[in-house]
Protein backbone atom coordinates (compact mmCIF):
# COMPACT_ATOMS: atom_id res chain seq x y z
CA MET A 1 -73.46 49.30 -283.40
CA LYS A 2 -69.76 49.63 -284.14
CA LEU A 3 -68.50 53.18 -284.69
CA THR A 4 -67.03 54.09 -288.06
CA LYS A 5 -63.33 55.01 -288.09
CA GLU A 6 -64.23 58.67 -288.55
CA ALA A 7 -66.76 58.66 -285.70
CA ALA A 8 -64.27 56.88 -283.40
CA LYS A 9 -61.60 59.44 -284.31
CA GLN A 10 -63.95 62.33 -283.56
CA HIS A 11 -64.97 60.73 -280.28
CA GLU A 12 -61.35 60.37 -279.19
CA TYR A 13 -60.56 63.99 -280.05
CA MET A 14 -63.64 65.05 -278.14
CA LYS A 15 -62.26 63.22 -275.09
CA THR A 16 -58.98 65.18 -275.34
CA LEU A 17 -60.97 68.43 -275.20
CA ILE A 18 -62.73 67.25 -272.03
CA LEU A 19 -59.44 66.21 -270.45
CA SER A 20 -57.90 69.58 -271.34
CA ALA A 21 -60.83 71.37 -269.67
CA GLU A 22 -60.41 69.23 -266.56
CA ASN A 23 -56.78 70.34 -266.46
CA GLY A 24 -57.82 73.98 -266.28
CA ASN A 25 -57.98 75.02 -269.93
CA PRO A 26 -61.29 76.79 -270.62
CA LEU A 27 -63.44 75.40 -273.40
CA ARG A 28 -64.24 77.75 -276.24
CA SER A 29 -67.82 77.88 -277.50
CA TYR A 30 -66.94 75.87 -280.60
CA ASP A 31 -65.23 73.27 -278.38
CA VAL A 32 -68.49 72.86 -276.48
CA ASP A 33 -70.37 72.43 -279.75
CA TYR A 34 -67.80 69.92 -281.00
CA ILE A 35 -68.17 67.81 -277.86
CA LEU A 36 -71.97 67.92 -278.07
CA ASP A 37 -71.85 66.97 -281.75
CA HIS A 38 -69.35 64.13 -281.45
CA TYR A 39 -69.89 62.59 -278.03
CA ARG A 40 -71.00 59.04 -278.84
CA GLU A 41 -73.06 57.69 -275.96
CA ASP A 42 -73.03 54.32 -277.72
CA ALA A 43 -69.21 54.18 -277.77
CA GLU A 44 -68.61 53.26 -274.14
CA HIS A 45 -72.07 52.79 -272.58
CA MET A 46 -74.86 50.24 -273.08
CA ASN A 47 -77.33 53.02 -273.75
CA ASN A 48 -79.85 50.62 -275.27
CA LEU A 49 -80.35 49.01 -271.86
CA ALA A 50 -80.93 52.41 -270.27
CA GLY A 51 -83.27 53.53 -273.04
CA ALA A 52 -81.09 56.62 -273.35
CA PHE A 53 -80.26 58.27 -276.67
CA PHE A 54 -78.75 61.74 -276.91
CA THR A 55 -80.84 64.31 -278.74
CA PRO A 56 -79.48 65.29 -282.17
CA TYR A 57 -78.82 69.01 -282.59
CA GLU A 58 -81.51 69.43 -285.25
CA ILE A 59 -84.20 67.98 -282.99
CA ALA A 60 -83.05 70.02 -279.99
CA ARG A 61 -83.09 73.19 -282.11
CA ASP A 62 -86.65 72.62 -283.35
CA PHE A 63 -87.79 71.40 -279.91
CA ALA A 64 -86.76 74.71 -278.32
CA ILE A 65 -89.52 76.50 -280.24
CA GLU A 66 -92.04 74.99 -277.81
CA ILE A 67 -90.26 76.16 -274.64
CA PRO A 68 -92.21 79.22 -273.43
CA SER A 69 -89.98 82.28 -273.80
CA SER A 70 -91.40 83.52 -270.48
CA SER A 71 -89.80 80.59 -268.61
CA LYS A 72 -87.50 81.78 -265.84
CA THR A 73 -86.69 78.31 -264.49
CA VAL A 74 -86.33 75.14 -266.56
CA LEU A 75 -85.76 71.57 -265.33
CA ASP A 76 -84.17 69.08 -267.75
CA ILE A 77 -84.92 65.50 -266.66
CA GLY A 78 -82.38 62.97 -267.94
CA ALA A 79 -80.21 65.75 -269.27
CA GLY A 80 -77.35 63.62 -270.60
CA ILE A 81 -74.50 66.07 -271.24
CA GLY A 82 -76.81 69.05 -271.74
CA ARG A 83 -77.91 69.41 -275.37
CA LEU A 84 -81.56 70.24 -274.63
CA SER A 85 -80.56 72.48 -271.74
CA GLN A 86 -78.21 74.40 -274.02
CA MET A 87 -81.07 75.09 -276.42
CA ALA A 88 -83.43 76.03 -273.57
CA ALA A 89 -80.92 78.53 -272.18
CA LEU A 90 -80.29 80.06 -275.61
CA TYR A 91 -83.99 80.37 -276.38
CA SER A 92 -85.43 81.51 -273.06
CA GLY A 93 -82.48 82.70 -270.98
CA ALA A 94 -83.90 80.66 -268.10
CA LYS A 95 -82.05 79.35 -265.08
CA ILE A 96 -81.38 75.68 -265.87
CA THR A 97 -81.44 72.69 -263.51
CA CYS A 98 -80.38 69.26 -264.86
CA ILE A 99 -81.06 65.78 -263.49
CA GLU A 100 -78.79 62.95 -264.66
CA ILE A 101 -78.11 59.49 -263.22
CA ASN A 102 -75.12 58.44 -265.36
CA PRO A 103 -71.96 59.66 -263.55
CA GLU A 104 -69.96 60.02 -266.78
CA TYR A 105 -72.63 62.11 -268.49
CA LEU A 106 -72.95 64.18 -265.32
CA ARG A 107 -69.17 64.77 -265.24
CA VAL A 108 -69.10 65.93 -268.85
CA GLY A 109 -72.24 68.04 -268.47
CA LYS A 110 -70.73 69.93 -265.55
CA ILE A 111 -67.61 70.64 -267.63
CA LEU A 112 -69.62 71.91 -270.61
CA PHE A 113 -72.18 73.90 -268.63
CA PRO A 114 -70.87 74.80 -265.16
CA GLN A 115 -73.46 77.59 -265.02
CA PHE A 116 -76.28 75.03 -264.80
CA GLU A 117 -77.36 73.33 -261.57
CA TRP A 118 -76.62 69.59 -261.87
CA ILE A 119 -78.33 67.01 -259.66
CA ALA A 120 -77.19 63.38 -259.63
CA GLY A 121 -79.73 60.62 -259.18
CA ASP A 122 -82.72 58.66 -260.40
CA ALA A 123 -85.13 60.96 -262.25
CA ILE A 124 -88.26 59.91 -260.34
CA GLU A 125 -86.57 59.92 -256.96
CA VAL A 126 -85.08 63.39 -257.53
CA CYS A 127 -88.43 64.78 -258.73
CA LYS A 128 -90.11 63.47 -255.57
CA ARG A 129 -87.41 65.07 -253.44
CA LEU A 130 -87.74 68.39 -255.24
CA ALA A 131 -91.50 68.28 -254.63
CA GLU A 132 -90.92 67.64 -250.92
CA GLU A 133 -88.56 70.64 -250.88
CA ASN A 134 -91.26 72.77 -252.55
CA ARG A 135 -89.03 73.40 -255.56
CA HIS A 136 -91.02 74.53 -258.57
CA PHE A 137 -90.15 75.17 -262.22
CA ASP A 138 -91.87 77.12 -264.95
CA THR A 139 -91.10 74.45 -267.52
CA VAL A 140 -89.78 70.90 -267.48
CA ILE A 141 -88.11 69.52 -270.61
CA SER A 142 -86.96 66.00 -271.35
CA ASN A 143 -85.87 63.48 -273.92
CA PRO A 144 -86.69 60.73 -271.40
CA PRO A 145 -85.67 57.07 -271.48
CA TYR A 146 -88.03 55.02 -273.60
CA GLY A 147 -89.64 51.70 -272.78
CA SER A 148 -89.23 49.49 -269.75
CA VAL A 149 -85.98 50.53 -268.02
CA ARG A 150 -84.89 48.27 -265.15
CA SER A 151 -82.80 50.94 -263.46
CA MET A 152 -85.91 53.14 -263.00
CA SER A 153 -87.30 51.23 -260.03
CA VAL A 154 -88.78 54.18 -258.11
CA LYS A 155 -92.55 54.49 -258.62
CA PRO A 156 -93.92 57.86 -259.77
CA PRO A 157 -96.91 59.38 -257.95
CA ARG A 158 -99.76 58.06 -260.13
CA TYR A 159 -98.62 56.02 -263.14
CA ARG A 160 -98.32 52.29 -262.41
CA GLN A 161 -97.11 50.75 -265.66
CA ALA A 162 -93.54 50.14 -266.86
CA GLN A 163 -92.98 52.76 -269.59
CA ALA A 164 -90.16 55.08 -268.49
CA GLN A 165 -91.27 58.02 -270.64
CA PHE A 166 -94.66 58.12 -268.91
CA LYS A 167 -93.03 57.80 -265.48
CA VAL A 168 -91.01 60.95 -266.15
CA ILE A 169 -94.03 62.93 -267.36
CA ASP A 170 -96.00 61.90 -264.25
CA ALA A 171 -93.17 62.70 -261.83
CA ALA A 172 -92.78 66.19 -263.29
CA ALA A 173 -96.44 67.04 -262.69
CA ASP A 174 -95.89 68.04 -259.06
CA ILE A 175 -92.99 70.42 -259.70
CA ALA A 176 -93.71 72.28 -262.96
CA ASP A 177 -96.33 74.38 -264.73
CA TYR A 178 -95.59 73.15 -268.24
CA GLY A 179 -93.82 70.26 -269.93
CA VAL A 180 -92.18 69.78 -273.32
CA PHE A 181 -91.09 66.22 -274.18
CA ILE A 182 -89.51 64.28 -277.03
CA LEU A 183 -91.46 61.03 -277.22
CA PRO A 184 -91.71 57.99 -279.48
CA GLN A 185 -94.57 58.45 -281.92
CA MET A 186 -96.25 55.36 -280.44
CA SER A 187 -96.47 57.09 -277.03
CA VAL A 188 -98.61 60.07 -278.03
CA PRO A 189 -102.31 60.29 -278.98
CA PHE A 190 -101.58 61.74 -282.42
CA VAL A 191 -99.39 61.34 -285.51
CA TYR A 192 -97.85 64.23 -287.40
CA SER A 193 -94.17 63.58 -288.11
CA GLY A 194 -93.77 61.82 -291.46
CA HIS A 195 -97.46 62.20 -292.33
CA GLN A 196 -99.24 64.54 -294.70
CA HIS A 197 -101.43 65.94 -291.94
CA TYR A 198 -102.19 65.74 -288.24
CA GLU A 199 -104.30 62.78 -287.06
CA GLU A 200 -105.57 61.81 -283.62
CA ARG A 201 -104.92 58.25 -282.41
CA LYS A 202 -107.67 57.50 -279.89
CA ASN A 203 -106.89 53.76 -279.89
CA ASN A 204 -103.40 54.19 -278.38
CA LYS A 205 -103.64 51.70 -275.51
CA ALA A 206 -100.38 52.62 -273.73
CA TYR A 207 -101.16 56.33 -273.80
CA ASN A 208 -104.79 55.83 -272.80
CA THR A 209 -103.69 53.81 -269.76
CA PHE A 210 -101.25 56.56 -268.77
CA SER A 211 -103.86 59.30 -269.19
CA ARG A 212 -106.50 57.35 -267.28
CA GLN A 213 -104.18 56.66 -264.33
CA THR A 214 -102.78 60.21 -264.10
CA GLY A 215 -105.41 62.48 -265.60
CA LEU A 216 -102.63 64.05 -267.70
CA VAL A 217 -103.05 64.89 -271.37
CA ILE A 218 -100.25 65.01 -273.95
CA GLU A 219 -101.02 67.62 -276.58
CA HIS A 220 -99.72 68.32 -280.07
CA ASN A 221 -97.04 70.92 -280.84
CA CYS A 222 -97.11 73.86 -283.24
CA GLY A 223 -96.21 71.67 -286.23
CA ILE A 224 -92.75 70.17 -285.74
CA ASP A 225 -92.01 67.24 -288.07
CA LEU A 226 -89.27 65.11 -286.53
CA ALA A 227 -89.43 62.32 -289.13
CA GLN A 228 -86.83 64.10 -291.25
CA TYR A 229 -84.30 63.55 -288.44
CA LYS A 230 -85.01 59.88 -287.73
CA ASN A 231 -81.59 58.71 -288.95
CA LEU A 232 -79.59 61.26 -286.94
CA TRP A 233 -79.84 59.36 -283.64
CA ASN A 234 -76.76 57.43 -282.50
CA GLY A 235 -77.32 53.69 -282.46
CA THR A 236 -80.95 53.76 -283.54
CA SER A 237 -83.44 55.17 -286.03
CA MET A 238 -86.80 56.34 -284.72
CA VAL A 239 -89.63 58.74 -285.44
CA CYS A 240 -90.54 60.93 -282.49
CA GLU A 241 -93.01 63.68 -281.72
CA VAL A 242 -92.81 66.73 -279.48
CA GLY A 243 -95.52 66.33 -276.83
CA LEU A 244 -96.79 69.14 -274.60
CA VAL A 245 -98.33 68.88 -271.12
CA ASP A 246 -100.07 71.75 -269.35
CA TYR A 247 -99.56 70.85 -265.69
CA LYS A 248 -101.04 74.13 -264.47
CA GLU A 249 -104.31 73.39 -266.25
CA TRP A 250 -104.22 69.82 -264.90
CA ARG A 251 -103.92 71.07 -261.32
CA ALA A 252 -106.74 73.57 -261.84
CA SER A 253 -108.95 70.82 -263.26
CA ASN A 254 -108.20 68.57 -260.29
CA ALA A 255 -109.05 71.41 -257.89
CA LYS A 256 -112.45 71.88 -259.58
CA LYS A 257 -113.17 68.16 -259.33
CA ARG A 258 -112.41 68.23 -255.60
CA GLN A 259 -114.54 71.32 -254.94
CA PRO A 260 -117.93 69.49 -254.71
CA ASP A 261 -116.42 67.09 -252.18
CA LEU A 262 -115.22 70.02 -250.07
CA ILE A 263 -118.66 71.63 -250.18
CA LEU A 264 -120.36 68.38 -249.14
CA SER A 265 -117.91 67.87 -246.29
CA GLN A 266 -118.79 71.34 -244.93
CA LEU A 267 -122.55 70.67 -244.89
């Protein structure tokens, strides 16, 4: 999609602010907000191929309601330039770690939020490495890539299909207690956004396959309707839902399932 003249003008001014910061001039808080508001990921990158769309402010603001305020450490997978992480830090005061594969987004993110820990690399590969290093986070957050993304070639621990959003949710299971995700409505076992009431969708084949392979369950949020923001995305229009995953409960459930086997092996 071609940028409007106004959007292109705002994007160019945003780039001057980044360049000024790189030259040693500190960004003011409203400069950071301007960059976040006007950075067009579809201006210079084929973000459709990567399944990557930056989270609009309004969605990030509402999303933050579901981040537990008790979180001391938060991992943002596919952080882009840091919009969700900004909201997580404001809401919970947690120590933030960001994973991002795009070197340009990573560069800008480090300029905007030097106080965050930034890790470059493939989301699944980095999550596996963090697990091997015994790194653990109270909460993982993500607006993950959607669909089949060729660049995500590393296999997650349990999920064996092609959907990138499910790969991210699976990979996070070994390093976090709780997960909050922005997902396409077709990827969750319920509908709420844009509907008069909450409904379960038990015939969701893609989700059912994911849940069967991983044992993970995506749950509904407190009542966040993202349909009102569907036209705020850059380069696309889509209805999403906020999905929640209780990894701590999942691990406890797995431990209970293994307990009879342990007892039998001791007999």
